[in-house]
PDB file of N, CA and C in Angstrom:
ATOM      1  N   MET A   1      50.691  95.681 212.214  1.00  0.00           N
ATOM      2  CA  MET A   1      51.246  97.008 212.348  1.00  0.00           C
ATOM      3  C   MET A   1      50.643  97.897 211.272  1.00  0.00           C
ATOM      4  N   ASN A   2      50.180  99.085 211.662  1.00  0.00           N
ATOM      5  CA  ASN A   2      49.634  99.988 210.666  1.00  0.00           C
ATOM      6  C   ASN A   2      50.738 100.904 210.129  1.00  0.00           C
ATOM      7  N   ALA A   3      50.385 101.737 209.150  1.00  0.00           N
ATOM      8  CA  ALA A   3      51.376 102.544 208.441  1.00  0.00           C
ATOM      9  C   ALA A   3      52.063 103.571 209.333  1.00  0.00           C
ATOM     10  N   THR A   4      51.458 103.962 210.450  1.00  0.00           N
ATOM     11  CA  THR A   4      52.063 104.987 211.299  1.00  0.00           C
ATOM     12  C   THR A   4      52.943 104.404 212.395  1.00  0.00           C
ATOM     13  N   GLU A   5      52.858 103.113 212.640  1.00  0.00           N
ATOM     14  CA  GLU A   5      53.671 102.482 213.674  1.00  0.00           C
ATOM     15  C   GLU A   5      55.069 102.180 213.135  1.00  0.00           C
ATOM     16  N   ARG A   6      56.050 102.317 214.017  1.00  0.00           N
ATOM     17  CA  ARG A   6      57.425 101.981 213.648  1.00  0.00           C
ATOM     18  C   ARG A   6      57.727 100.566 214.113  1.00  0.00           C
ATOM     19  N   PRO A   7      58.434  99.794 213.287  1.00  0.00           N
ATOM     20  CA  PRO A   7      58.772  98.432 213.706  1.00  0.00           C
ATOM     21  C   PRO A   7      59.775  98.454 214.855  1.00  0.00           C
ATOM     22  N   ASN A   8      59.681  97.456 215.735  1.00  0.00           N
ATOM     23  CA  ASN A   8      60.668  97.369 216.802  1.00  0.00           C
ATOM     24  C   ASN A   8      61.898  96.615 216.286  1.00  0.00           C
ATOM     25  N   ALA A   9      62.922  96.549 217.095  1.00  0.00           N
ATOM     26  CA  ALA A   9      64.189  95.940 216.672  1.00  0.00           C
ATOM     27  C   ALA A   9      64.021  94.475 216.282  1.00  0.00           C
ATOM     28  N   ASP A  10      63.207  93.732 217.026  1.00  0.00           N
ATOM     29  CA  ASP A  10      62.996  92.316 216.710  1.00  0.00           C
ATOM     30  C   ASP A  10      62.321  92.147 215.354  1.00  0.00           C
ATOM     31  N   GLU A  11      61.319  92.973 215.075  1.00  0.00           N
ATOM     32  CA  GLU A  11      60.627  92.897 213.783  1.00  0.00           C
ATOM     33  C   GLU A  11      61.573  93.247 212.641  1.00  0.00           C
ATOM     34  N   THR A  12      62.387  94.265 212.855  1.00  0.00           N
ATOM     35  CA  THR A  12      63.346  94.676 211.834  1.00  0.00           C
ATOM     36  C   THR A  12      64.351  93.567 211.573  1.00  0.00           C
ATOM     37  N   GLU A  13      64.841  92.942 212.634  1.00  0.00           N
ATOM     38  CA  GLU A  13      65.805  91.842 212.476  1.00  0.00           C
ATOM     39  C   GLU A  13      65.179  90.667 211.729  1.00  0.00           C
ATOM     40  N   ARG A  14      63.954  90.318 212.069  1.00  0.00           N
ATOM     41  CA  ARG A  14      63.275  89.222 211.355  1.00  0.00           C
ATOM     42  C   ARG A  14      63.082  89.573 209.885  1.00  0.00           C
ATOM     43  N   THR A  15      62.718  90.813 209.614  1.00  0.00           N
ATOM     44  CA  THR A  15      62.501  91.243 208.231  1.00  0.00           C
ATOM     45  C   THR A  15      63.786  91.170 207.433  1.00  0.00           C
ATOM     46  N   ILE A  16      64.865  91.712 207.956  1.00  0.00           N
ATOM     47  CA  ILE A  16      66.126  91.703 207.215  1.00  0.00           C
ATOM     48  C   ILE A  16      66.630  90.278 207.027  1.00  0.00           C
ATOM     49  N   ASP A  17      66.508  89.442 208.043  1.00  0.00           N
ATOM     50  CA  ASP A  17      66.929  88.045 207.912  1.00  0.00           C
ATOM     51  C   ASP A  17      66.144  87.333 206.818  1.00  0.00           C
ATOM     52  N   ARG A  18      64.849  87.539 206.782  1.00  0.00           N
ATOM     53  CA  ARG A  18      63.992  86.898 205.766  1.00  0.00           C
ATOM     54  C   ARG A  18      64.328  87.417 204.378  1.00  0.00           C
ATOM     55  N   GLU A  19      64.555  88.703 204.254  1.00  0.00           N
ATOM     56  CA  GLU A  19      64.866  89.260 202.933  1.00  0.00           C
ATOM     57  C   GLU A  19      66.239  88.814 202.456  1.00  0.00           C
ATOM     58  N   ILE A  20      67.201  88.660 203.356  1.00  0.00           N
ATOM     59  CA  ILE A  20      68.506  88.099 202.989  1.00  0.00           C
ATOM     60  C   ILE A  20      68.328  86.667 202.497  1.00  0.00           C
ATOM     61  N   GLU A  21      67.511  85.901 203.206  1.00  0.00           N
ATOM     62  CA  GLU A  21      67.237  84.514 202.809  1.00  0.00           C
ATOM     63  C   GLU A  21      66.598  84.447 201.414  1.00  0.00           C
ATOM     64  N   LEU A  22      65.629  85.313 201.162  1.00  0.00           N
ATOM     65  CA  LEU A  22      64.963  85.325 199.854  1.00  0.00           C
ATOM     66  C   LEU A  22      65.925  85.702 198.731  1.00  0.00           C
ATOM     67  N   LEU A  23      66.736  86.731 198.950  1.00  0.00           N
ATOM     68  CA  LEU A  23      67.686  87.145 197.913  1.00  0.00           C
ATOM     69  C   LEU A  23      68.772  86.094 197.698  1.00  0.00           C
ATOM     70  N   THR A  24      69.236  85.472 198.777  1.00  0.00           N
ATOM     71  CA  THR A  24      70.235  84.406 198.650  1.00  0.00           C
ATOM     72  C   THR A  24      69.680  83.251 197.828  1.00  0.00           C
ATOM     73  N   SER A  25      68.451  82.873 198.078  1.00  0.00           N
ATOM     74  CA  SER A  25      67.818  81.793 197.308  1.00  0.00           C
ATOM     75  C   SER A  25      67.687  82.172 195.844  1.00  0.00           C
ATOM     76  N   ALA A  26      67.331  83.422 195.574  1.00  0.00           N
ATOM     77  CA  ALA A  26      67.195  83.878 194.190  1.00  0.00           C
ATOM     78  C   ALA A  26      68.546  83.865 193.480  1.00  0.00           C
ATOM     79  N   VAL A  27      69.591  84.310 194.158  1.00  0.00           N
ATOM     80  CA  VAL A  27      70.935  84.286 193.571  1.00  0.00           C
ATOM     81  C   VAL A  27      71.345  82.847 193.271  1.00  0.00           C
ATOM     82  N   ARG A  28      71.098  81.947 194.196  1.00  0.00           N
ATOM     83  CA  ARG A  28      71.460  80.531 193.982  1.00  0.00           C
ATOM     84  C   ARG A  28      70.676  79.932 192.805  1.00  0.00           C
ATOM     85  N   LEU A  29      69.411  80.299 192.675  1.00  0.00           N
ATOM     86  CA  LEU A  29      68.583  79.817 191.572  1.00  0.00           C
ATOM     87  C   LEU A  29      69.182  80.240 190.237  1.00  0.00           C
ATOM     88  N   VAL A  30      69.513  81.509 190.112  1.00  0.00           N
ATOM     89  CA  VAL A  30      70.071  82.017 188.858  1.00  0.00           C
ATOM     90  C   VAL A  30      71.470  81.454 188.630  1.00  0.00           C
ATOM     91  N   ALA A  31      72.292  81.421 189.661  1.00  0.00           N
ATOM     92  CA  ALA A  31      73.658  80.910 189.531  1.00  0.00           C
ATOM     93  C   ALA A  31      73.678  79.439 189.117  1.00  0.00           C
ATOM     94  N   SER A  32      72.667  78.682 189.523  1.00  0.00           N
ATOM     95  CA  SER A  32      72.612  77.252 189.193  1.00  0.00           C
ATOM     96  C   SER A  32      72.245  77.002 187.734  1.00  0.00           C
ATOM     97  N   GLY A  33      71.711  78.030 187.075  1.00  0.00           N
ATOM     98  CA  GLY A  33      71.271  77.865 185.698  1.00  0.00           C
ATOM     99  C   GLY A  33      69.824  77.411 185.576  1.00  0.00           C
ATOM    100  N   ALA A  34      69.155  77.214 186.703  1.00  0.00           N
ATOM    101  CA  ALA A  34      67.756  76.784 186.673  1.00  0.00           C
ATOM    102  C   ALA A  34      66.839  77.886 186.147  1.00  0.00           C
ATOM    103  N   ALA A  35      67.297  79.133 186.240  1.00  0.00           N
ATOM    104  CA  ALA A  35      66.556  80.280 185.697  1.00  0.00           C
ATOM    105  C   ALA A  35      67.576  81.324 185.264  1.00  0.00           C
ATOM    106  N   THR A  36      67.250  82.072 184.218  1.00  0.00           N
ATOM    107  CA  THR A  36      68.149  83.152 183.806  1.00  0.00           C
ATOM    108  C   THR A  36      67.866  84.421 184.597  1.00  0.00           C
ATOM    109  N   ALA A  37      66.670  84.522 185.165  1.00  0.00           N
ATOM    110  CA  ALA A  37      66.298  85.680 185.974  1.00  0.00           C
ATOM    111  C   ALA A  37      65.103  85.325 186.843  1.00  0.00           C
ATOM    112  N   THR A  38      64.968  86.065 187.929  1.00  0.00           N
ATOM    113  CA  THR A  38      63.808  85.942 188.809  1.00  0.00           C
ATOM    114  C   THR A  38      63.638  87.275 189.534  1.00  0.00           C
ATOM    115  N   THR A  39      62.481  87.480 190.106  1.00  0.00           N
ATOM    116  CA  THR A  39      62.227  88.714 190.840  1.00  0.00           C
ATOM    117  C   THR A  39      61.718  88.374 192.233  1.00  0.00           C
ATOM    118  N   VAL A  40      62.301  89.021 193.227  1.00  0.00           N
ATOM    119  CA  VAL A  40      61.841  88.914 194.609  1.00  0.00           C
ATOM    120  C   VAL A  40      61.058  90.202 194.867  1.00  0.00           C
ATOM    121  N   ALA A  41      59.786  90.068 195.189  1.00  0.00           N
ATOM    122  CA  ALA A  41      58.895  91.233 195.247  1.00  0.00           C
ATOM    123  C   ALA A  41      58.555  91.642 196.672  1.00  0.00           C
ATOM    124  N   GLY A  42      58.299  92.940 196.830  1.00  0.00           N
ATOM    125  CA  GLY A  42      57.748  93.476 198.060  1.00  0.00           C
ATOM    126  C   GLY A  42      58.707  93.581 199.232  1.00  0.00           C
ATOM    127  N   LEU A  43      59.988  93.763 198.963  1.00  0.00           N
ATOM    128  CA  LEU A  43      60.958  93.852 200.054  1.00  0.00           C
ATOM    129  C   LEU A  43      60.896  95.222 200.718  1.00  0.00           C
ATOM    130  N   GLN A  44      61.027  95.235 202.037  1.00  0.00           N
ATOM    131  CA  GLN A  44      60.980  96.480 202.804  1.00  0.00           C
ATOM    132  C   GLN A  44      62.373  97.019 203.109  1.00  0.00           C
ATOM    133  N   LEU A  45      63.350  96.134 203.201  1.00  0.00           N
ATOM    134  CA  LEU A  45      64.719  96.521 203.548  1.00  0.00           C
ATOM    135  C   LEU A  45      65.689  96.024 202.483  1.00  0.00           C
ATOM    136  N   ALA A  46      65.304  96.204 201.229  1.00  0.00           N
ATOM    137  CA  ALA A  46      66.064  95.658 200.107  1.00  0.00           C
ATOM    138  C   ALA A  46      67.500  96.147 200.071  1.00  0.00           C
ATOM    139  N   GLU A  47      67.715  97.428 200.293  1.00  0.00           N
ATOM    140  CA  GLU A  47      69.081  97.958 200.205  1.00  0.00           C
ATOM    141  C   GLU A  47      70.005  97.277 201.209  1.00  0.00           C
ATOM    142  N   ALA A  48      69.560  97.128 202.428  1.00  0.00           N
ATOM    143  CA  ALA A  48      70.372  96.486 203.457  1.00  0.00           C
ATOM    144  C   ALA A  48      70.602  95.009 203.139  1.00  0.00           C
ATOM    145  N   ALA A  49      69.561  94.318 202.717  1.00  0.00           N
ATOM    146  CA  ALA A  49      69.694  92.896 202.379  1.00  0.00           C
ATOM    147  C   ALA A  49      70.635  92.700 201.192  1.00  0.00           C
ATOM    148  N   MET A  50      70.540  93.581 200.214  1.00  0.00           N
ATOM    149  CA  MET A  50      71.404  93.465 199.033  1.00  0.00           C
ATOM    150  C   MET A  50      72.872  93.664 199.396  1.00  0.00           C
ATOM    151  N   LEU A  51      73.165  94.530 200.354  1.00  0.00           N
ATOM    152  CA  LEU A  51      74.556  94.720 200.781  1.00  0.00           C
ATOM    153  C   LEU A  51      75.151  93.429 201.334  1.00  0.00           C
ATOM    154  N   VAL A  52      74.347  92.669 202.041  1.00  0.00           N
ATOM    155  CA  VAL A  52      74.809  91.402 202.618  1.00  0.00           C
ATOM    156  C   VAL A  52      74.999  90.348 201.530  1.00  0.00           C
ATOM    157  N   VAL A  53      74.091  90.290 200.577  1.00  0.00           N
ATOM    158  CA  VAL A  53      74.089  89.238 199.550  1.00  0.00           C
ATOM    159  C   VAL A  53      75.008  89.577 198.368  1.00  0.00           C
ATOM    160  N   ALA A  54      75.339  90.845 198.170  1.00  0.00           N
ATOM    161  CA  ALA A  54      76.100  91.285 196.997  1.00  0.00           C
ATOM    162  C   ALA A  54      77.420  90.535 196.768  1.00  0.00           C
ATOM    163  N   PRO A  55      78.233  90.281 197.788  1.00  0.00           N
ATOM    164  CA  PRO A  55      79.487  89.554 197.524  1.00  0.00           C
ATOM    165  C   PRO A  55      79.250  88.164 196.917  1.00  0.00           C
ATOM    166  N   MET A  56      78.258  87.451 197.429  1.00  0.00           N
ATOM    167  CA  MET A  56      77.944  86.132 196.881  1.00  0.00           C
ATOM    168  C   MET A  56      77.438  86.258 195.445  1.00  0.00           C
ATOM    169  N   ALA A  57      76.602  87.241 195.195  1.00  0.00           N
ATOM    170  CA  ALA A  57      76.069  87.439 193.846  1.00  0.00           C
ATOM    171  C   ALA A  57      77.207  87.710 192.866  1.00  0.00           C
ATOM    172  N   ARG A  58      78.120  88.617 193.216  1.00  0.00           N
ATOM    173  CA  ARG A  58      79.266  88.917 192.341  1.00  0.00           C
ATOM    174  C   ARG A  58      80.099  87.677 192.073  1.00  0.00           C
ATOM    175  N   GLU A  59      80.350  86.911 193.121  1.00  0.00           N
ATOM    176  CA  GLU A  59      81.157  85.695 193.002  1.00  0.00           C
ATOM    177  C   GLU A  59      80.558  84.712 191.999  1.00  0.00           C
ATOM    178  N   HIS A  60      79.237  84.688 191.912  1.00  0.00           N
ATOM    179  CA  HIS A  60      78.544  83.755 191.026  1.00  0.00           C
ATOM    180  C   HIS A  60      78.116  84.381 189.698  1.00  0.00           C
ATOM    181  N   GLY A  61      78.541  85.616 189.437  1.00  0.00           N
ATOM    182  CA  GLY A  61      78.201  86.260 188.169  1.00  0.00           C
ATOM    183  C   GLY A  61      76.739  86.647 188.050  1.00  0.00           C
ATOM    184  N   VAL A  62      76.137  86.998 189.179  1.00  0.00           N
ATOM    185  CA  VAL A  62      74.719  87.338 189.218  1.00  0.00           C
ATOM    186  C   VAL A  62      74.574  88.810 189.614  1.00  0.00           C
ATOM    187  N   VAL A  63      73.604  89.479 189.006  1.00  0.00           N
ATOM    188  CA  VAL A  63      73.352  90.902 189.255  1.00  0.00           C
ATOM    189  C   VAL A  63      71.995  91.059 189.928  1.00  0.00           C
ATOM    190  N   MET A  64      71.902  92.019 190.857  1.00  0.00           N
ATOM    191  CA  MET A  64      70.633  92.350 191.507  1.00  0.00           C
ATOM    192  C   MET A  64      70.304  93.806 191.187  1.00  0.00           C
ATOM    193  N   ASP A  65      69.116  94.042 190.657  1.00  0.00           N
ATOM    194  CA  ASP A  65      68.663  95.396 190.330  1.00  0.00           C
ATOM    195  C   ASP A  65      67.425  95.730 191.149  1.00  0.00           C
ATOM    196  N   MET A  66      67.438  96.898 191.786  1.00  0.00           N
ATOM    197  CA  MET A  66      66.279  97.355 192.563  1.00  0.00           C
ATOM    198  C   MET A  66      65.244  97.957 191.628  1.00  0.00           C
ATOM    199  N   LEU A  67      63.985  97.612 191.869  1.00  0.00           N
ATOM    200  CA  LEU A  67      62.860  98.138 191.091  1.00  0.00           C
ATOM    201  C   LEU A  67      61.867  98.739 192.074  1.00  0.00           C
ATOM    202  N   TRP A  68      61.929 100.051 192.272  1.00  0.00           N
ATOM    203  CA  TRP A  68      61.074 100.713 193.250  1.00  0.00           C
ATOM    204  C   TRP A  68      59.672 100.896 192.709  1.00  0.00           C
ATOM    205  N   GLY A  69      58.694 100.720 193.573  1.00  0.00           N
ATOM    206  CA  GLY A  69      57.303 100.991 193.233  1.00  0.00           C
ATOM    207  C   GLY A  69      57.023 102.476 193.335  1.00  0.00           C
ATOM    208  N   PRO A  70      55.841 102.910 192.929  1.00  0.00           N
ATOM    209  CA  PRO A  70      55.519 104.332 192.915  1.00  0.00           C
ATOM    210  C   PRO A  70      55.506 104.986 194.302  1.00  0.00           C
ATOM    211  N   ASP A  71      55.175 104.222 195.341  1.00  0.00           N
ATOM    212  CA  ASP A  71      55.133 104.819 196.682  1.00  0.00           C
ATOM    213  C   ASP A  71      56.460 104.683 197.433  1.00  0.00           C
ATOM    214  N   GLU A  72      57.401 103.945 196.892  1.00  0.00           N
ATOM    215  CA  GLU A  72      58.738 103.725 197.455  1.00  0.00           C
ATOM    216  C   GLU A  72      58.719 103.157 198.869  1.00  0.00           C
ATOM    217  N   ARG A  73      57.636 102.480 199.226  1.00  0.00           N
ATOM    218  CA  ARG A  73      57.559 101.835 200.544  1.00  0.00           C
ATOM    219  C   ARG A  73      58.141 100.431 200.499  1.00  0.00           C
ATOM    220  N   ALA A  74      58.059  99.816 199.353  1.00  0.00           N
ATOM    221  CA  ALA A  74      58.611  98.482 199.167  1.00  0.00           C
ATOM    222  C   ALA A  74      59.260  98.451 197.788  1.00  0.00           C
ATOM    223  N   CYS A  75      60.086  97.476 197.603  1.00  0.00           N
ATOM    224  CA  CYS A  75      60.851  97.407 196.363  1.00  0.00           C
ATOM    225  C   CYS A  75      60.928  95.951 195.922  1.00  0.00           C
ATOM    226  N   ASP A  76      60.975  95.758 194.625  1.00  0.00           N
ATOM    227  CA  ASP A  76      61.230  94.448 194.051  1.00  0.00           C
ATOM    228  C   ASP A  76      62.706  94.418 193.663  1.00  0.00           C
ATOM    229  N   VAL A  77      63.280  93.234 193.643  1.00  0.00           N
ATOM    230  CA  VAL A  77      64.669  93.080 193.209  1.00  0.00           C
ATOM    231  C   VAL A  77      64.703  92.042 192.100  1.00  0.00           C
ATOM    232  N   ARG A  78      65.171  92.467 190.941  1.00  0.00           N
ATOM    233  CA  ARG A  78      65.355  91.550 189.818  1.00  0.00           C
ATOM    234  C   ARG A  78      66.751  90.962 189.935  1.00  0.00           C
ATOM    235  N   VAL A  79      66.831  89.649 189.909  1.00  0.00           N
ATOM    236  CA  VAL A  79      68.092  88.910 190.032  1.00  0.00           C
ATOM    237  C   VAL A  79      68.303  88.224 188.702  1.00  0.00           C
ATOM    238  N   HIS A  80      69.450  88.483 188.059  1.00  0.00           N
ATOM    239  CA  HIS A  80      69.677  87.938 186.722  1.00  0.00           C
ATOM    240  C   HIS A  80      71.153  87.683 186.454  1.00  0.00           C
ATOM    241  N   GLU A  81      71.400  86.936 185.394  1.00  0.00           N
ATOM    242  CA  GLU A  81      72.763  86.639 184.984  1.00  0.00           C
ATOM    243  C   GLU A  81      73.455  87.914 184.537  1.00  0.00           C
ATOM    244  N   ARG A  82      74.730  88.022 184.807  1.00  0.00           N
ATOM    245  CA  ARG A  82      75.509  89.146 184.298  1.00  0.00           C
ATOM    246  C   ARG A  82      75.708  88.925 182.815  1.00  0.00           C
ATOM    247  N   THR A  83      75.488  89.962 182.028  1.00  0.00           N
ATOM    248  CA  THR A  83      75.684  89.867 180.582  1.00  0.00           C
ATOM    249  C   THR A  83      76.769  90.830 180.156  1.00  0.00           C
ATOM    250  N   GLY A  84      77.581  90.418 179.213  1.00  0.00           N
ATOM    251  CA  GLY A  84      78.627  91.297 178.692  1.00  0.00           C
ATOM    252  C   GLY A  84      79.746  91.518 179.687  1.00  0.00           C
ATOM    253  N   GLU A  85      80.552  92.517 179.417  1.00  0.00           N
ATOM    254  CA  GLU A  85      81.669  92.853 180.282  1.00  0.00           C
ATOM    255  C   GLU A  85      81.239  93.911 181.286  1.00  0.00           C
ATOM    256  N   GLY A  86      81.765  93.839 182.509  1.00  0.00           N
ATOM    257  CA  GLY A  86      81.503  94.866 183.507  1.00  0.00           C
ATOM    258  C   GLY A  86      80.400  94.489 184.353  1.00  0.00           C
TER     259      GLY A  86
END
């Protein structure tokens, strides 16, 4: 698909499912103590995927921060342990 084409519903569903899977794995990695932080890079639907994964992340004391690139076409998500209060 080139930059001017719009994804169809099936492509969008596959993308969001994959990004949810990646963020869930990152949250589990940090929550397990195997890493204090990790970054999932190049997500296209990060905001939507984060909404799905956020309850699990909160439950495990893990934070997800969006890191937008200069063109704002894709985003990285830093997943890390919650520090301090709040």
